[in-house]
């Protein structure tokens, strides 16, 4: 685990804790721990930081910081901020939570869901003419493609919903199920489960 032990005096205890936890969460989400820690540092920073400051504050190698910054720029979670009188690049994080989450969701969809959907389309097309594949297997592949396509379309539609409306929808929580008349113990279509 990348720890910030000897550098704690340069960061508040709360900032240190957030950076360490965000780094651990990043690892669980498939993001390099250093990338997540740099993102966390820039998120809580009150001013743009240059790479040397980031390396020093987190105790990371300068090359690690450079590579991590490139990745964060690619995700559009940070941006370069010009500073008068300093030729070094400075960086600041996106601080609008909705914008940050939207960018992460769009990036993950582009890197994970879109290729999966394309692969499934190719597999379903190939399966249609494969006499050795059972009808059941073909149906399961088609169902998987339908699910992925539906979720992909839902994701795109949710990104077009204005943030205040989306927040109201999210805050409804389980109340959304009342709108579609669904209750536990009922089937997909709202009727009683056949048991």
C-alpha atoms as a PDB file:
ATOM      1  CA  UNK A   1       0.000   0.000   0.000  1.00  0.00           C
ATOM      2  CA  UNK A   2       1.282   3.460  -0.860  1.00  0.00           C
ATOM      3  CA  UNK A   3       1.356   5.256   2.465  1.00  0.00           C
ATOM      4  CA  UNK A   4       2.016   8.893   3.214  1.00  0.00           C
ATOM      5  CA  UNK A   5       3.706   8.384   6.607  1.00  0.00           C
ATOM      6  CA  UNK A   6       6.695  10.695   6.367  1.00  0.00           C
ATOM      7  CA  UNK A   7       4.740  13.318   4.428  1.00  0.00           C
ATOM      8  CA  UNK A   8       1.792  13.669   6.812  1.00  0.00           C
ATOM      9  CA  UNK A   9       3.092  16.967   8.189  1.00  0.00           C
ATOM     10  CA  UNK A  10       2.445  18.549   4.774  1.00  0.00           C
ATOM     11  CA  UNK A  11      -1.162  17.329   4.642  1.00  0.00           C
ATOM     12  CA  UNK A  12      -3.932  17.641   7.179  1.00  0.00           C
ATOM     13  CA  UNK A  13      -4.971  14.404   8.905  1.00  0.00           C
ATOM     14  CA  UNK A  14      -8.377  14.506   7.172  1.00  0.00           C
ATOM     15  CA  UNK A  15      -6.783  15.055   3.743  1.00  0.00           C
ATOM     16  CA  UNK A  16      -4.315  12.240   4.394  1.00  0.00           C
ATOM     17  CA  UNK A  17      -7.105   9.876   5.387  1.00  0.00           C
ATOM     18  CA  UNK A  18      -9.178  10.773   2.305  1.00  0.00           C
ATOM     19  CA  UNK A  19      -6.191  10.334  -0.031  1.00  0.00           C
ATOM     20  CA  UNK A  20      -5.329   6.926   1.438  1.00  0.00           C
ATOM     21  CA  UNK A  21      -8.936   5.713   1.329  1.00  0.00           C
ATOM     22  CA  UNK A  22      -9.492   7.021  -2.213  1.00  0.00           C
ATOM     23  CA  UNK A  23      -6.305   5.236  -3.268  1.00  0.00           C
ATOM     24  CA  UNK A  24      -7.570   1.963  -1.776  1.00  0.00           C
ATOM     25  CA  UNK A  25     -10.957   2.378  -3.450  1.00  0.00           C
ATOM     26  CA  UNK A  26      -9.241   3.103  -6.758  1.00  0.00           C
ATOM     27  CA  UNK A  27      -7.436  -0.219  -6.484  1.00  0.00           C
ATOM     28  CA  UNK A  28     -10.766  -1.979  -5.950  1.00  0.00           C
ATOM     29  CA  UNK A  29     -12.209  -0.228  -9.024  1.00  0.00           C
ATOM     30  CA  UNK A  30      -9.289  -1.283 -11.207  1.00  0.00           C
ATOM     31  CA  UNK A  31      -7.515   2.089 -11.066  1.00  0.00           C
ATOM     32  CA  UNK A  32      -3.847   2.335 -10.109  1.00  0.00           C
ATOM     33  CA  UNK A  33      -3.552   3.393  -6.463  1.00  0.00           C
ATOM     34  CA  UNK A  34      -1.182   6.267  -7.288  1.00  0.00           C
ATOM     35  CA  UNK A  35      -3.583   7.605  -9.915  1.00  0.00           C
ATOM     36  CA  UNK A  36      -6.422   7.577  -7.376  1.00  0.00           C
ATOM     37  CA  UNK A  37      -4.268   9.203  -4.679  1.00  0.00           C
ATOM     38  CA  UNK A  38      -3.165  11.993  -7.020  1.00  0.00           C
ATOM     39  CA  UNK A  39      -6.775  12.571  -8.016  1.00  0.00           C
ATOM     40  CA  UNK A  40      -7.755  12.748  -4.324  1.00  0.00           C
ATOM     41  CA  UNK A  41      -4.931  15.179  -3.528  1.00  0.00           C
ATOM     42  CA  UNK A  42      -5.920  17.504  -6.368  1.00  0.00           C
ATOM     43  CA  UNK A  43      -9.598  17.205  -5.411  1.00  0.00           C
ATOM     44  CA  UNK A  44      -8.979  18.457  -1.856  1.00  0.00           C
ATOM     45  CA  UNK A  45      -6.307  20.971  -2.825  1.00  0.00           C
ATOM     46  CA  UNK A  46      -7.323  24.632  -2.670  1.00  0.00           C
ATOM     47  CA  UNK A  47      -4.895  25.522  -5.453  1.00  0.00           C
ATOM     48  CA  UNK A  48      -3.446  23.918  -8.577  1.00  0.00           C
ATOM     49  CA  UNK A  49      -0.302  21.847  -7.925  1.00  0.00           C
ATOM     50  CA  UNK A  50       2.649  21.040 -10.160  1.00  0.00           C
ATOM     51  CA  UNK A  51       4.033  17.530 -10.542  1.00  0.00           C
ATOM     52  CA  UNK A  52       7.005  18.075  -8.222  1.00  0.00           C
ATOM     53  CA  UNK A  53       4.693  19.214  -5.422  1.00  0.00           C
ATOM     54  CA  UNK A  54       2.453  16.210  -5.967  1.00  0.00           C
ATOM     55  CA  UNK A  55       5.430  13.837  -5.894  1.00  0.00           C
ATOM     56  CA  UNK A  56       6.776  15.422  -2.730  1.00  0.00           C
ATOM     57  CA  UNK A  57       3.434  15.570  -0.908  1.00  0.00           C
ATOM     58  CA  UNK A  58       2.566  11.940  -1.665  1.00  0.00           C
ATOM     59  CA  UNK A  59       6.061  10.482  -1.563  1.00  0.00           C
ATOM     60  CA  UNK A  60       5.800   9.186  -5.126  1.00  0.00           C
ATOM     61  CA  UNK A  61       8.422   8.956  -7.847  1.00  0.00           C
ATOM     62  CA  UNK A  62       8.252  11.821 -10.346  1.00  0.00           C
ATOM     63  CA  UNK A  63       7.866   9.349 -13.242  1.00  0.00           C
ATOM     64  CA  UNK A  64       4.916   7.719 -11.463  1.00  0.00           C
ATOM     65  CA  UNK A  65       3.315  11.144 -11.025  1.00  0.00           C
ATOM     66  CA  UNK A  66       3.836  11.994 -14.712  1.00  0.00           C
ATOM     67  CA  UNK A  67       2.224   8.749 -15.884  1.00  0.00           C
ATOM     68  CA  UNK A  68      -0.641   9.135 -13.419  1.00  0.00           C
ATOM     69  CA  UNK A  69      -1.283  12.712 -14.539  1.00  0.00           C
ATOM     70  CA  UNK A  70      -1.474  11.539 -18.165  1.00  0.00           C
ATOM     71  CA  UNK A  71      -4.095   8.978 -17.190  1.00  0.00           C
ATOM     72  CA  UNK A  72      -6.133  11.520 -15.201  1.00  0.00           C
ATOM     73  CA  UNK A  73      -5.966  13.960 -18.123  1.00  0.00           C
ATOM     74  CA  UNK A  74      -7.177  11.170 -20.416  1.00  0.00           C
ATOM     75  CA  UNK A  75     -10.187  10.625 -18.162  1.00  0.00           C
ATOM     76  CA  UNK A  76     -10.700  14.426 -18.093  1.00  0.00           C
ATOM     77  CA  UNK A  77     -10.754  14.342 -14.290  1.00  0.00           C
ATOM     78  CA  UNK A  78      -8.033  16.976 -14.045  1.00  0.00           C
ATOM     79  CA  UNK A  79      -6.913  19.834 -16.263  1.00  0.00           C
ATOM     80  CA  UNK A  80      -3.801  21.896 -16.813  1.00  0.00           C
ATOM     81  CA  UNK A  81      -3.960  25.326 -15.205  1.00  0.00           C
ATOM     82  CA  UNK A  82      -1.497  27.983 -16.398  1.00  0.00           C
ATOM     83  CA  UNK A  83       0.177  29.958 -13.623  1.00  0.00           C
ATOM     84  CA  UNK A  84       1.590  33.406 -14.272  1.00  0.00           C
ATOM     85  CA  UNK A  85       5.379  33.452 -13.896  1.00  0.00           C
ATOM     86  CA  UNK A  86       5.781  29.660 -13.704  1.00  0.00           C
ATOM     87  CA  UNK A  87       6.571  27.586 -16.778  1.00  0.00           C
ATOM     88  CA  UNK A  88       5.712  24.299 -15.078  1.00  0.00           C
ATOM     89  CA  UNK A  89       2.351  22.697 -15.708  1.00  0.00           C
ATOM     90  CA  UNK A  90      -0.015  22.942 -12.772  1.00  0.00           C
ATOM     91  CA  UNK A  91      -3.045  20.705 -12.356  1.00  0.00           C
ATOM     92  CA  UNK A  92      -6.451  21.018 -10.757  1.00  0.00           C
ATOM     93  CA  UNK A  93      -9.190  18.417 -10.352  1.00  0.00           C
ATOM     94  CA  UNK A  94     -12.755  18.700 -11.543  1.00  0.00           C
ATOM     95  CA  UNK A  95     -14.626  19.548  -8.337  1.00  0.00           C
ATOM     96  CA  UNK A  96     -18.213  19.307  -9.598  1.00  0.00           C
ATOM     97  CA  UNK A  97     -19.237  15.861  -8.329  1.00  0.00           C
ATOM     98  CA  UNK A  98     -21.837  15.328 -11.054  1.00  0.00           C
ATOM     99  CA  UNK A  99     -19.376  16.256 -13.781  1.00  0.00           C
ATOM    100  CA  UNK A 100     -16.728  13.972 -12.268  1.00  0.00           C
ATOM    101  CA  UNK A 101     -19.100  11.001 -11.982  1.00  0.00           C
ATOM    102  CA  UNK A 102     -20.451  11.614 -15.488  1.00  0.00           C
ATOM    103  CA  UNK A 103     -16.940  11.624 -16.943  1.00  0.00           C
ATOM    104  CA  UNK A 104     -15.982   8.457 -15.074  1.00  0.00           C
ATOM    105  CA  UNK A 105     -19.180   6.701 -16.170  1.00  0.00           C
ATOM    106  CA  UNK A 106     -18.720   7.772 -19.797  1.00  0.00           C
ATOM    107  CA  UNK A 107     -15.067   6.684 -19.742  1.00  0.00           C
ATOM    108  CA  UNK A 108     -15.860   3.292 -18.248  1.00  0.00           C
ATOM    109  CA  UNK A 109     -18.669   2.749 -20.728  1.00  0.00           C
ATOM    110  CA  UNK A 110     -16.390   3.590 -23.652  1.00  0.00           C
ATOM    111  CA  UNK A 111     -13.614   1.310 -22.363  1.00  0.00           C
ATOM    112  CA  UNK A 112     -15.718  -1.607 -21.089  1.00  0.00           C
ATOM    113  CA  UNK A 113     -19.371  -1.668 -22.144  1.00  0.00           C
ATOM    114  CA  UNK A 114     -19.070  -0.499 -25.766  1.00  0.00           C
ATOM    115  CA  UNK A 115     -16.430  -3.130 -26.669  1.00  0.00           C
ATOM    116  CA  UNK A 116     -18.476  -5.821 -24.879  1.00  0.00           C
ATOM    117  CA  UNK A 117     -21.570  -4.821 -26.832  1.00  0.00           C
ATOM    118  CA  UNK A 118     -19.655  -4.911 -30.137  1.00  0.00           C
ATOM    119  CA  UNK A 119     -18.210  -8.340 -29.287  1.00  0.00           C
ATOM    120  CA  UNK A 120     -21.636  -9.691 -28.334  1.00  0.00           C
ATOM    121  CA  UNK A 121     -23.156  -8.405 -31.595  1.00  0.00           C
ATOM    122  CA  UNK A 122     -20.457 -10.258 -33.525  1.00  0.00           C
ATOM    123  CA  UNK A 123     -21.003 -13.421 -31.458  1.00  0.00           C
ATOM    124  CA  UNK A 124     -24.772 -13.341 -31.919  1.00  0.00           C
ATOM    125  CA  UNK A 125     -24.358 -12.842 -35.670  1.00  0.00           C
ATOM    126  CA  UNK A 126     -21.897 -15.743 -35.828  1.00  0.00           C
ATOM    127  CA  UNK A 127     -24.103 -17.917 -33.629  1.00  0.00           C
ATOM    128  CA  UNK A 128     -27.061 -17.441 -35.982  1.00  0.00           C
ATOM    129  CA  UNK A 129     -25.280 -19.459 -38.684  1.00  0.00           C
ATOM    130  CA  UNK A 130     -23.494 -21.937 -36.405  1.00  0.00           C
ATOM    131  CA  UNK A 131     -25.272 -25.311 -36.717  1.00  0.00           C
ATOM    132  CA  UNK A 132     -23.249 -26.767 -33.834  1.00  0.00           C
ATOM    133  CA  UNK A 133     -24.515 -24.220 -31.284  1.00  0.00           C
ATOM    134  CA  UNK A 134     -27.752 -25.185 -29.524  1.00  0.00           C
ATOM    135  CA  UNK A 135     -30.864 -23.047 -29.766  1.00  0.00           C
ATOM    136  CA  UNK A 136     -30.653 -22.508 -25.993  1.00  0.00           C
ATOM    137  CA  UNK A 137     -27.100 -21.166 -26.217  1.00  0.00           C
ATOM    138  CA  UNK A 138     -28.125 -18.872 -29.089  1.00  0.00           C
ATOM    139  CA  UNK A 139     -31.036 -17.563 -27.010  1.00  0.00           C
ATOM    140  CA  UNK A 140     -28.783 -16.919 -24.007  1.00  0.00           C
ATOM    141  CA  UNK A 141     -26.322 -14.989 -26.173  1.00  0.00           C
ATOM    142  CA  UNK A 142     -29.174 -12.939 -27.641  1.00  0.00           C
ATOM    143  CA  UNK A 143     -30.521 -12.246 -24.133  1.00  0.00           C
ATOM    144  CA  UNK A 144     -27.092 -11.107 -22.980  1.00  0.00           C
ATOM    145  CA  UNK A 145     -26.773  -8.783 -25.981  1.00  0.00           C
ATOM    146  CA  UNK A 146     -30.264  -7.409 -25.335  1.00  0.00           C
ATOM    147  CA  UNK A 147     -29.386  -6.732 -21.683  1.00  0.00           C
ATOM    148  CA  UNK A 148     -26.077  -4.997 -22.502  1.00  0.00           C
ATOM    149  CA  UNK A 149     -27.678  -2.945 -25.286  1.00  0.00           C
ATOM    150  CA  UNK A 150     -30.561  -1.910 -23.011  1.00  0.00           C
ATOM    151  CA  UNK A 151     -28.184  -0.883 -20.200  1.00  0.00           C
ATOM    152  CA  UNK A 152     -25.979   1.006 -22.661  1.00  0.00           C
ATOM    153  CA  UNK A 153     -28.966   2.895 -24.049  1.00  0.00           C
ATOM    154  CA  UNK A 154     -30.219   3.616 -20.492  1.00  0.00           C
ATOM    155  CA  UNK A 155     -26.792   4.980 -19.550  1.00  0.00           C
ATOM    156  CA  UNK A 156     -26.791   7.321 -22.552  1.00  0.00           C
ATOM    157  CA  UNK A 157     -30.331   8.483 -21.797  1.00  0.00           C
ATOM    158  CA  UNK A 158     -29.504   9.162 -18.133  1.00  0.00           C
ATOM    159  CA  UNK A 159     -26.560  11.347 -19.175  1.00  0.00           C
ATOM    160  CA  UNK A 160     -28.969  13.562 -21.102  1.00  0.00           C
ATOM    161  CA  UNK A 161     -31.296  14.077 -18.099  1.00  0.00           C
ATOM    162  CA  UNK A 162     -30.660  17.473 -16.463  1.00  0.00           C
ATOM    163  CA  UNK A 163     -28.743  17.079 -13.201  1.00  0.00           C
ATOM    164  CA  UNK A 164     -31.499  18.508 -10.929  1.00  0.00           C
ATOM    165  CA  UNK A 165     -34.068  16.112 -12.429  1.00  0.00           C
ATOM    166  CA  UNK A 166     -31.670  13.180 -12.144  1.00  0.00           C
ATOM    167  CA  UNK A 167     -30.967  14.050  -8.510  1.00  0.00           C
ATOM    168  CA  UNK A 168     -34.709  14.092  -7.756  1.00  0.00           C
ATOM    169  CA  UNK A 169     -35.039  10.691  -9.445  1.00  0.00           C
ATOM    170  CA  UNK A 170     -32.142   9.256  -7.430  1.00  0.00           C
ATOM    171  CA  UNK A 171     -33.521  10.666  -4.167  1.00  0.00           C
ATOM    172  CA  UNK A 172     -36.816   8.913  -4.857  1.00  0.00           C
ATOM    173  CA  UNK A 173     -34.922   5.666  -4.290  1.00  0.00           C
ATOM    174  CA  UNK A 174     -37.328   2.813  -3.689  1.00  0.00           C
ATOM    175  CA  UNK A 175     -40.170   5.216  -4.467  1.00  0.00           C
ATOM    176  CA  UNK A 176     -39.354   4.674  -8.140  1.00  0.00           C
ATOM    177  CA  UNK A 177     -40.658   1.120  -7.851  1.00  0.00           C
ATOM    178  CA  UNK A 178     -44.070   2.518  -6.851  1.00  0.00           C
ATOM    179  CA  UNK A 179     -44.192   4.345 -10.178  1.00  0.00           C
ATOM    180  CA  UNK A 180     -43.941   1.052 -12.042  1.00  0.00           C
ATOM    181  CA  UNK A 181     -46.084  -0.846  -9.531  1.00  0.00           C
ATOM    182  CA  UNK A 182     -43.336  -3.328  -8.603  1.00  0.00           C
ATOM    183  CA  UNK A 183     -43.050  -4.953  -5.201  1.00  0.00           C
ATOM    184  CA  UNK A 184     -40.861  -7.762  -3.875  1.00  0.00           C
ATOM    185  CA  UNK A 185     -42.428 -11.106  -4.653  1.00  0.00           C
ATOM    186  CA  UNK A 186     -43.723  -9.964  -8.006  1.00  0.00           C
ATOM    187  CA  UNK A 187     -42.330 -11.078 -11.343  1.00  0.00           C
ATOM    188  CA  UNK A 188     -40.602  -8.963 -13.983  1.00  0.00           C
ATOM    189  CA  UNK A 189     -43.886  -7.670 -15.360  1.00  0.00           C
ATOM    190  CA  UNK A 190     -45.401  -6.754 -11.965  1.00  0.00           C
ATOM    191  CA  UNK A 191     -47.551  -9.899 -11.676  1.00  0.00           C
ATOM    192  CA  UNK A 192     -47.232 -12.574  -9.004  1.00  0.00           C
ATOM    193  CA  UNK A 193     -44.233 -14.876  -9.380  1.00  0.00           C
ATOM    194  CA  UNK A 194     -45.204 -18.320 -10.563  1.00  0.00           C
ATOM    195  CA  UNK A 195     -43.946 -20.598  -7.802  1.00  0.00           C
END
